C-alpha atoms as a PDB file:
ATOM      1  CA  MET A   1      84.602 101.892 109.244  1.00  0.00           C
ATOM      2  CA  ASN A   2      85.260 102.518 112.958  1.00  0.00           C
ATOM      3  CA  GLN A   3      86.087 105.745 114.798  1.00  0.00           C
ATOM      4  CA  ASN A   4      89.856 105.120 114.887  1.00  0.00           C
ATOM      5  CA  MET A   5      89.908 104.605 111.133  1.00  0.00           C
ATOM      6  CA  ILE A   6      87.933 107.793 110.462  1.00  0.00           C
ATOM      7  CA  ILE A   7      90.242 109.831 112.708  1.00  0.00           C
ATOM      8  CA  GLY A   8      93.303 108.237 111.140  1.00  0.00           C
ATOM      9  CA  ILE A   9      92.357 109.095 107.567  1.00  0.00           C
ATOM     10  CA  LEU A  10      91.413 112.677 108.518  1.00  0.00           C
ATOM     11  CA  ILE A  11      94.662 113.492 110.381  1.00  0.00           C
ATOM     12  CA  PRO A  12      96.712 114.118 107.174  1.00  0.00           C
ATOM     13  CA  PHE A  13      93.938 116.349 105.799  1.00  0.00           C
ATOM     14  CA  ALA A  14      94.072 118.349 109.033  1.00  0.00           C
ATOM     15  CA  GLY A  15      97.806 118.826 108.465  1.00  0.00           C
ATOM     16  CA  THR A  16      97.184 120.267 104.981  1.00  0.00           C
ATOM     17  CA  THR A  17      94.434 122.547 106.317  1.00  0.00           C
ATOM     18  CA  LEU A  18      96.614 123.914 109.129  1.00  0.00           C
ATOM     19  CA  GLY A  19      99.495 124.468 106.720  1.00  0.00           C
ATOM     20  CA  SER A  20      97.238 126.314 104.295  1.00  0.00           C
ATOM     21  CA  ALA A  21      96.077 128.522 107.175  1.00  0.00           C
ATOM     22  CA  MET A  22      99.617 129.912 107.465  1.00  0.00           C
ATOM     23  CA  VAL A  23      98.668 132.246 104.625  1.00  0.00           C
ATOM     24  CA  PHE A  24      96.759 134.295 107.234  1.00  0.00           C
ATOM     25  CA  PHE A  25      99.850 134.760 109.422  1.00  0.00           C
ATOM     26  CA  MET A  26     102.803 134.929 107.013  1.00  0.00           C
ATOM     27  CA  ARG A  27     104.082 137.557 104.649  1.00  0.00           C
ATOM     28  CA  LYS A  28     102.983 137.608 101.019  1.00  0.00           C
ATOM     29  CA  GLU A  29     105.876 135.429  99.851  1.00  0.00           C
ATOM     30  CA  MET A  30     107.524 132.487 101.591  1.00  0.00           C
ATOM     31  CA  ASN A  31     111.262 132.719 102.158  1.00  0.00           C
ATOM     32  CA  GLU A  32     112.993 130.667  99.447  1.00  0.00           C
ATOM     33  CA  LYS A  33     115.325 128.837 101.854  1.00  0.00           C
ATOM     34  CA  LEU A  34     112.401 127.968 104.111  1.00  0.00           C
ATOM     35  CA  GLN A  35     110.479 126.610 101.131  1.00  0.00           C
ATOM     36  CA  LYS A  36     113.437 124.433 100.095  1.00  0.00           C
ATOM     37  CA  ALA A  37     113.877 123.179 103.655  1.00  0.00           C
ATOM     38  CA  LEU A  38     110.186 122.226 103.825  1.00  0.00           C
ATOM     39  CA  LEU A  39     110.337 120.451 100.465  1.00  0.00           C
ATOM     40  CA  GLY A  40     113.354 118.497 101.677  1.00  0.00           C
ATOM     41  CA  PHE A  41     111.598 117.687 104.942  1.00  0.00           C
ATOM     42  CA  ALA A  42     108.523 116.378 103.105  1.00  0.00           C
ATOM     43  CA  SER A  43     110.794 114.246 100.903  1.00  0.00           C
ATOM     44  CA  GLY A  44     112.519 112.685 103.905  1.00  0.00           C
ATOM     45  CA  VAL A  45     109.221 111.849 105.598  1.00  0.00           C
ATOM     46  CA  MET A  46     107.833 110.220 102.439  1.00  0.00           C
ATOM     47  CA  VAL A  47     110.942 108.103 101.818  1.00  0.00           C
ATOM     48  CA  ALA A  48     111.036 106.841 105.426  1.00  0.00           C
ATOM     49  CA  ALA A  49     107.288 106.148 105.403  1.00  0.00           C
ATOM     50  CA  SER A  50     107.619 104.228 102.136  1.00  0.00           C
ATOM     51  CA  VAL A  51     110.291 101.955 103.609  1.00  0.00           C
ATOM     52  CA  TRP A  52     109.228 101.402 107.240  1.00  0.00           C
ATOM     53  CA  SER A  53     105.451 101.739 107.003  1.00  0.00           C
ATOM     54  CA  LEU A  54     104.825 100.207 103.572  1.00  0.00           C
ATOM     55  CA  LEU A  55     107.583  98.135 101.936  1.00  0.00           C
ATOM     56  CA  ILE A  56     108.837  96.284 105.033  1.00  0.00           C
ATOM     57  CA  PRO A  57     105.296  95.282 106.121  1.00  0.00           C
ATOM     58  CA  ALA A  58     104.544  94.189 102.528  1.00  0.00           C
ATOM     59  CA  ILE A  59     107.604  91.913 102.556  1.00  0.00           C
ATOM     60  CA  ASP A  60     106.781  90.565 106.027  1.00  0.00           C
ATOM     61  CA  MET A  61     103.177  89.823 105.006  1.00  0.00           C
ATOM     62  CA  ALA A  62     104.287  87.948 101.896  1.00  0.00           C
ATOM     63  CA  GLU A  63     106.646  85.810 103.997  1.00  0.00           C
ATOM     64  CA  GLU A  64     103.873  85.094 106.508  1.00  0.00           C
ATOM     65  CA  ASN A  65     101.559  84.028 103.671  1.00  0.00           C
ATOM     66  CA  GLY A  66     104.187  81.645 102.311  1.00  0.00           C
ATOM     67  CA  SER A  67     104.807  83.683  99.156  1.00  0.00           C
ATOM     68  CA  ILE A  68     108.159  84.689  97.694  1.00  0.00           C
ATOM     69  CA  ALA A  69     108.769  87.768  99.847  1.00  0.00           C
ATOM     70  CA  TRP A  70     110.076  90.174  97.229  1.00  0.00           C
ATOM     71  CA  ILE A  71     107.454  89.563  94.515  1.00  0.00           C
ATOM     72  CA  PRO A  72     104.538  91.601  95.978  1.00  0.00           C
ATOM     73  CA  ALA A  73     106.918  94.366  97.079  1.00  0.00           C
ATOM     74  CA  ALA A  74     108.658  94.614  93.698  1.00  0.00           C
ATOM     75  CA  ALA A  75     105.497  94.254  91.598  1.00  0.00           C
ATOM     76  CA  GLY A  76     103.455  96.666  93.705  1.00  0.00           C
ATOM     77  CA  PHE A  77     106.281  99.214  93.855  1.00  0.00           C
ATOM     78  CA  LEU A  78     106.726  99.262  90.058  1.00  0.00           C
ATOM     79  CA  LEU A  79     102.974  99.461  89.483  1.00  0.00           C
ATOM     80  CA  GLY A  80     102.770 102.410  91.885  1.00  0.00           C
ATOM     81  CA  MET A  81     105.571 104.207  90.066  1.00  0.00           C
ATOM     82  CA  GLY A  82     103.869 103.495  86.725  1.00  0.00           C
ATOM     83  CA  PHE A  83     100.479 104.694  87.981  1.00  0.00           C
ATOM     84  CA  LEU A  84     101.862 108.063  89.109  1.00  0.00           C
ATOM     85  CA  LEU A  85     103.859 108.360  85.885  1.00  0.00           C
ATOM     86  CA  LEU A  86     100.606 107.947  83.961  1.00  0.00           C
ATOM     87  CA  LEU A  87      98.771 110.505  86.103  1.00  0.00           C
ATOM     88  CA  ASP A  88     101.722 112.884  85.829  1.00  0.00           C
ATOM     89  CA  THR A  89     101.688 112.538  82.034  1.00  0.00           C
ATOM     90  CA  VAL A  90      97.981 113.141  81.471  1.00  0.00           C
ATOM     91  CA  THR A  91      97.110 115.637  84.237  1.00  0.00           C
ATOM     92  CA  PRO A  92      97.883 119.290  83.455  1.00  0.00           C
ATOM     93  CA  HIS A  93      99.832 120.755  86.364  1.00  0.00           C
ATOM     94  CA  MET A  94     102.605 123.204  87.211  1.00  0.00           C
ATOM     95  CA  HIS A  95     105.633 122.808  89.470  1.00  0.00           C
ATOM     96  CA  LEU A  96     106.774 125.524  91.848  1.00  0.00           C
ATOM     97  CA  THR A  97     109.651 126.138  89.447  1.00  0.00           C
ATOM     98  CA  GLY A  98     107.095 127.225  86.823  1.00  0.00           C
ATOM     99  CA  ASP A  99     107.548 124.163  84.599  1.00  0.00           C
ATOM    100  CA  GLU A 100     104.296 122.829  83.160  1.00  0.00           C
ATOM    101  CA  GLU A 101     103.583 119.130  82.583  1.00  0.00           C
ATOM    102  CA  GLY A 102     100.709 116.989  81.389  1.00  0.00           C
ATOM    103  CA  ILE A 103      98.196 117.576  78.621  1.00  0.00           C
ATOM    104  CA  LYS A 104      98.135 121.177  77.404  1.00  0.00           C
ATOM    105  CA  SER A 105      95.297 123.206  78.882  1.00  0.00           C
ATOM    106  CA  ASN A 106      94.083 126.751  79.424  1.00  0.00           C
ATOM    107  CA  PHE A 107      93.918 126.361  83.197  1.00  0.00           C
ATOM    108  CA  LYS A 108      95.013 129.273  85.378  1.00  0.00           C
ATOM    109  CA  LYS A 109      98.386 129.062  87.087  1.00  0.00           C
ATOM    110  CA  SER A 110      96.665 128.734  90.470  1.00  0.00           C
ATOM    111  CA  THR A 111      94.648 125.738  89.232  1.00  0.00           C
ATOM    112  CA  MET A 112      97.785 124.116  87.798  1.00  0.00           C
ATOM    113  CA  LEU A 113      99.615 124.507  91.134  1.00  0.00           C
ATOM    114  CA  VAL A 114      96.717 122.966  93.050  1.00  0.00           C
ATOM    115  CA  LEU A 115      96.578 120.032  90.608  1.00  0.00           C
ATOM    116  CA  ALA A 116     100.300 119.421  91.183  1.00  0.00           C
ATOM    117  CA  VAL A 117      99.841 119.151  94.951  1.00  0.00           C
ATOM    118  CA  THR A 118      96.701 117.049  94.456  1.00  0.00           C
ATOM    119  CA  LEU A 119      98.827 114.549  92.525  1.00  0.00           C
ATOM    120  CA  HIS A 120     101.221 114.426  95.499  1.00  0.00           C
ATOM    121  CA  ASN A 121      98.380 113.693  97.875  1.00  0.00           C
ATOM    122  CA  ILE A 122      96.835 110.713  96.078  1.00  0.00           C
ATOM    123  CA  PRO A 123      99.586 108.230  97.066  1.00  0.00           C
ATOM    124  CA  GLU A 124      99.690 109.623 100.599  1.00  0.00           C
ATOM    125  CA  GLY A 125      95.955 108.996 100.991  1.00  0.00           C
ATOM    126  CA  MET A 126      96.386 105.494  99.594  1.00  0.00           C
ATOM    127  CA  ALA A 127      99.218 104.807 102.037  1.00  0.00           C
ATOM    128  CA  VAL A 128      97.105 105.805 105.042  1.00  0.00           C
ATOM    129  CA  GLY A 129      94.105 103.873 103.727  1.00  0.00           C
ATOM    130  CA  VAL A 130      96.004 100.649 103.111  1.00  0.00           C
ATOM    131  CA  THR A 131      97.647 100.644 106.550  1.00  0.00           C
ATOM    132  CA  PHE A 132      94.327 101.129 108.355  1.00  0.00           C
ATOM    133  CA  ALA A 133      92.808  98.465 106.093  1.00  0.00           C
ATOM    134  CA  GLY A 134      95.601  96.160 107.248  1.00  0.00           C
ATOM    135  CA  VAL A 135      94.662  96.827 110.868  1.00  0.00           C
ATOM    136  CA  ALA A 136      90.977  96.215 110.099  1.00  0.00           C
ATOM    137  CA  THR A 137      91.720  92.845 108.500  1.00  0.00           C
ATOM    138  CA  GLY A 138      93.551  91.755 111.641  1.00  0.00           C
ATOM    139  CA  ASN A 139      96.966  91.552 109.995  1.00  0.00           C
ATOM    140  CA  THR A 140      99.628  91.197 112.678  1.00  0.00           C
ATOM    141  CA  MET A 141     102.248  93.021 110.585  1.00  0.00           C
ATOM    142  CA  ILE A 142     100.458  96.373 111.005  1.00  0.00           C
ATOM    143  CA  SER A 143      99.444  97.720 114.414  1.00  0.00           C
ATOM    144  CA  ILE A 144      96.958 100.502 115.099  1.00  0.00           C
ATOM    145  CA  ALA A 145      99.826 102.513 116.599  1.00  0.00           C
ATOM    146  CA  GLY A 146     101.877 101.970 113.430  1.00  0.00           C
ATOM    147  CA  ALA A 147      98.958 103.095 111.264  1.00  0.00           C
ATOM    148  CA  PHE A 148      98.565 106.252 113.354  1.00  0.00           C
ATOM    149  CA  ALA A 149     102.338 106.834 113.189  1.00  0.00           C
ATOM    150  CA  LEU A 150     102.121 106.897 109.385  1.00  0.00           C
ATOM    151  CA  SER A 151      99.064 109.137 109.491  1.00  0.00           C
ATOM    152  CA  ILE A 152     100.749 111.593 111.877  1.00  0.00           C
ATOM    153  CA  GLY A 153     103.975 111.533 109.846  1.00  0.00           C
ATOM    154  CA  ILE A 154     102.130 112.389 106.645  1.00  0.00           C
ATOM    155  CA  ALA A 155     100.172 115.111 108.473  1.00  0.00           C
ATOM    156  CA  ILE A 156     103.474 116.633 109.638  1.00  0.00           C
ATOM    157  CA  GLN A 157     104.814 116.776 106.089  1.00  0.00           C
ATOM    158  CA  ASN A 158     101.417 117.981 104.785  1.00  0.00           C
ATOM    159  CA  PHE A 159     101.699 121.042 107.018  1.00  0.00           C
ATOM    160  CA  PRO A 160     104.520 122.592 104.971  1.00  0.00           C
ATOM    161  CA  GLU A 161     102.906 121.365 101.729  1.00  0.00           C
ATOM    162  CA  GLY A 162      99.738 123.262 102.617  1.00  0.00           C
ATOM    163  CA  ALA A 163     101.779 126.418 103.200  1.00  0.00           C
ATOM    164  CA  ILE A 164     103.800 125.852 100.020  1.00  0.00           C
ATOM    165  CA  ILE A 165     100.619 125.819  97.934  1.00  0.00           C
ATOM    166  CA  SER A 166      98.708 128.641  99.655  1.00  0.00           C
ATOM    167  CA  MET A 167     101.604 131.120  99.865  1.00  0.00           C
ATOM    168  CA  PRO A 168     102.410 131.173  96.105  1.00  0.00           C
ATOM    169  CA  LEU A 169      98.692 131.584  95.355  1.00  0.00           C
ATOM    170  CA  ARG A 170      98.670 134.606  97.668  1.00  0.00           C
ATOM    171  CA  SER A 171     101.745 136.045  95.978  1.00  0.00           C
ATOM    172  CA  GLU A 172     100.000 135.563  92.609  1.00  0.00           C
ATOM    173  CA  GLY A 173      97.268 137.948  93.750  1.00  0.00           C
ATOM    174  CA  ALA A 174      94.674 135.614  95.241  1.00  0.00           C
ATOM    175  CA  SER A 175      92.982 136.746  98.435  1.00  0.00           C
ATOM    176  CA  LYS A 176      94.052 135.086 101.669  1.00  0.00           C
ATOM    177  CA  SER A 177      90.696 133.303 101.937  1.00  0.00           C
ATOM    178  CA  LYS A 178      90.897 131.980  98.379  1.00  0.00           C
ATOM    179  CA  ALA A 179      94.513 130.874  98.802  1.00  0.00           C
ATOM    180  CA  PHE A 180      93.545 129.040 102.009  1.00  0.00           C
ATOM    181  CA  LEU A 181      90.567 127.385 100.297  1.00  0.00           C
ATOM    182  CA  TYR A 182      92.660 126.199  97.336  1.00  0.00           C
ATOM    183  CA  GLY A 183      95.374 124.887  99.639  1.00  0.00           C
ATOM    184  CA  THR A 184      92.827 123.009 101.727  1.00  0.00           C
ATOM    185  CA  LEU A 185      91.033 121.557  98.694  1.00  0.00           C
ATOM    186  CA  SER A 186      94.332 120.198  97.372  1.00  0.00           C
ATOM    187  CA  GLY A 187      94.359 117.881 100.401  1.00  0.00           C
ATOM    188  CA  ILE A 188      90.746 116.653 100.200  1.00  0.00           C
ATOM    189  CA  VAL A 189      91.867 113.940  97.782  1.00  0.00           C
ATOM    190  CA  GLU A 190      93.762 112.225 100.634  1.00  0.00           C
ATOM    191  CA  PRO A 191      90.769 111.018 102.687  1.00  0.00           C
ATOM    192  CA  ILE A 192      88.971 110.157  99.427  1.00  0.00           C
ATOM    193  CA  ALA A 193      91.898 108.024  98.233  1.00  0.00           C
ATOM    194  CA  ALA A 194      92.155 106.468 101.704  1.00  0.00           C
ATOM    195  CA  VAL A 195      88.485 105.428 101.738  1.00  0.00           C
ATOM    196  CA  ILE A 196      88.673 103.960  98.217  1.00  0.00           C
ATOM    197  CA  THR A 197      91.782 101.968  99.188  1.00  0.00           C
ATOM    198  CA  ILE A 198      90.140 100.677 102.375  1.00  0.00           C
ATOM    199  CA  LEU A 199      87.078  99.527 100.427  1.00  0.00           C
ATOM    200  CA  LEU A 200      89.247  97.862  97.782  1.00  0.00           C
ATOM    201  CA  THR A 201      91.384  96.070 100.357  1.00  0.00           C
ATOM    202  CA  SER A 202      88.373  94.849 102.332  1.00  0.00           C
ATOM    203  CA  LEU A 203      87.070  93.222  99.155  1.00  0.00           C
ATOM    204  CA  VAL A 204      90.326  91.497  98.228  1.00  0.00           C
ATOM    205  CA  VAL A 205      92.445  90.893 101.358  1.00  0.00           C
ATOM    206  CA  PRO A 206      95.231  88.910  99.561  1.00  0.00           C
ATOM    207  CA  ILE A 207      96.270  92.005  97.587  1.00  0.00           C
ATOM    208  CA  LEU A 208      97.170  93.941 100.762  1.00  0.00           C
ATOM    209  CA  PRO A 209     100.973  93.454 100.335  1.00  0.00           C
ATOM    210  CA  TYR A 210     100.708  94.637  96.732  1.00  0.00           C
ATOM    211  CA  LEU A 211      98.712  97.711  97.734  1.00  0.00           C
ATOM    212  CA  LEU A 212     101.236  98.607 100.454  1.00  0.00           C
ATOM    213  CA  ALA A 213     104.073  98.416  97.927  1.00  0.00           C
ATOM    214  CA  PHE A 214     101.941 100.235  95.323  1.00  0.00           C
ATOM    215  CA  ALA A 215     101.498 103.179  97.703  1.00  0.00           C
ATOM    216  CA  ALA A 216     105.240 103.156  98.417  1.00  0.00           C
ATOM    217  CA  GLY A 217     106.081 103.278  94.701  1.00  0.00           C
ATOM    218  CA  ALA A 218     103.653 106.137  94.134  1.00  0.00           C
ATOM    219  CA  MET A 219     105.121 108.117  97.044  1.00  0.00           C
ATOM    220  CA  ILE A 220     108.713 107.577  95.910  1.00  0.00           C
ATOM    221  CA  TYR A 221     107.714 108.734  92.420  1.00  0.00           C
ATOM    222  CA  VAL A 222     106.505 112.037  93.864  1.00  0.00           C
ATOM    223  CA  VAL A 223     109.753 112.477  95.801  1.00  0.00           C
ATOM    224  CA  VAL A 224     112.032 111.736  92.835  1.00  0.00           C
ATOM    225  CA  GLU A 225     109.985 113.457  90.133  1.00  0.00           C
ATOM    226  CA  GLU A 226     108.858 116.590  91.928  1.00  0.00           C
ATOM    227  CA  LEU A 227     109.918 117.277  95.513  1.00  0.00           C
ATOM    228  CA  ILE A 228     113.690 116.718  95.262  1.00  0.00           C
ATOM    229  CA  PRO A 229     114.131 118.582  91.930  1.00  0.00           C
ATOM    230  CA  GLU A 230     112.176 121.544  93.298  1.00  0.00           C
ATOM    231  CA  ALA A 231     114.158 121.475  96.550  1.00  0.00           C
ATOM    232  CA  GLN A 232     117.456 121.405  94.641  1.00  0.00           C
ATOM    233  CA  ALA A 233     116.525 123.996  91.988  1.00  0.00           C
ATOM    234  CA  GLU A 234     118.735 127.057  91.563  1.00  0.00           C
ATOM    235  CA  PRO A 235     119.899 128.818  93.608  1.00  0.00           C
ATOM    236  CA  HIS A 236     121.313 125.665  95.202  1.00  0.00           C
ATOM    237  CA  THR A 237     121.402 125.406  98.983  1.00  0.00           C
ATOM    238  CA  ASN A 238     122.207 122.587 101.399  1.00  0.00           C
ATOM    239  CA  ILE A 239     119.213 123.488 103.557  1.00  0.00           C
ATOM    240  CA  SER A 240     116.999 121.135 101.540  1.00  0.00           C
ATOM    241  CA  THR A 241     119.387 118.228 102.159  1.00  0.00           C
ATOM    242  CA  ILE A 242     119.275 118.967 105.884  1.00  0.00           C
ATOM    243  CA  GLY A 243     115.476 118.995 105.613  1.00  0.00           C
ATOM    244  CA  VAL A 244     115.543 115.497 104.060  1.00  0.00           C
ATOM    245  CA  ALA A 245     117.701 114.203 106.922  1.00  0.00           C
ATOM    246  CA  VAL A 246     115.411 115.690 109.584  1.00  0.00           C
ATOM    247  CA  GLY A 247     112.230 114.458 107.899  1.00  0.00           C
ATOM    248  CA  PHE A 248     113.573 110.952 107.313  1.00  0.00           C
ATOM    249  CA  THR A 249     114.828 110.629 110.886  1.00  0.00           C
ATOM    250  CA  LEU A 250     111.605 111.932 112.427  1.00  0.00           C
ATOM    251  CA  MET A 251     109.413 109.555 110.398  1.00  0.00           C
ATOM    252  CA  MET A 252     111.713 106.612 111.152  1.00  0.00           C
ATOM    253  CA  ILE A 253     111.569 107.348 114.888  1.00  0.00           C
ATOM    254  CA  LEU A 254     107.785 107.705 114.764  1.00  0.00           C
ATOM    255  CA  ASP A 255     107.348 104.393 112.983  1.00  0.00           C
ATOM    256  CA  VAL A 256     109.784 102.406 115.136  1.00  0.00           C
ATOM    257  CA  ALA A 257     108.590 103.936 118.410  1.00  0.00           C
ATOM    258  CA  LEU A 258     104.868 103.544 117.689  1.00  0.00           C
ATOM    259  CA  GLY A 259     104.886 100.691 115.166  1.00  0.00           C
END
């Protein structure tokens, strides 16, 4: 694992850490409209990253390998959706709306919130890992600049996610230091998932298109199942929709300009 790869997989974690640090500078509770805008922004970034950084390269790779182009993309995407559905079903966690999902547990509310964000971060870590693995294997469909574009894009959307997890913990009565620590720890799963994906891909290079699409499916699951519903929860506001547009456009520009 070279220096570029290590930096690349740590950039998103840095975004979560910086976002969590906002608990030291902001008021006890985050403004509701700001929270919805940030959720929408994160959704837009994840959708654009799934298409430009993951699904399109997966299709291009399959064509280059002489395979039927849509098979790895479709199969990987559905498997990624199914994998997150399984994790979502068995892992006890709580949405920002207060709804609880997963196996019943006696976990504290703060723990349940952290577990929810941790679930979000698994596919993001996989996405970063699989793109840098593609660069390492010498695949021409993924450039080092494109891999860093994805990493930076996810870091940008992790910044508000870090704040969204640390601020509610603070409002629940946790100290600023504890809220920051919990917010930061929710993002540690990203570099771990990235490393596991890199190791897996290096062992079985032909599955790279499937893993790209798998990460895309997992990310889209998070957007549809959690981020958008929370962004559109009552009281309804169009600010979250604007956030989606801004996030999607920014990630698209990043990928096309640097990819």
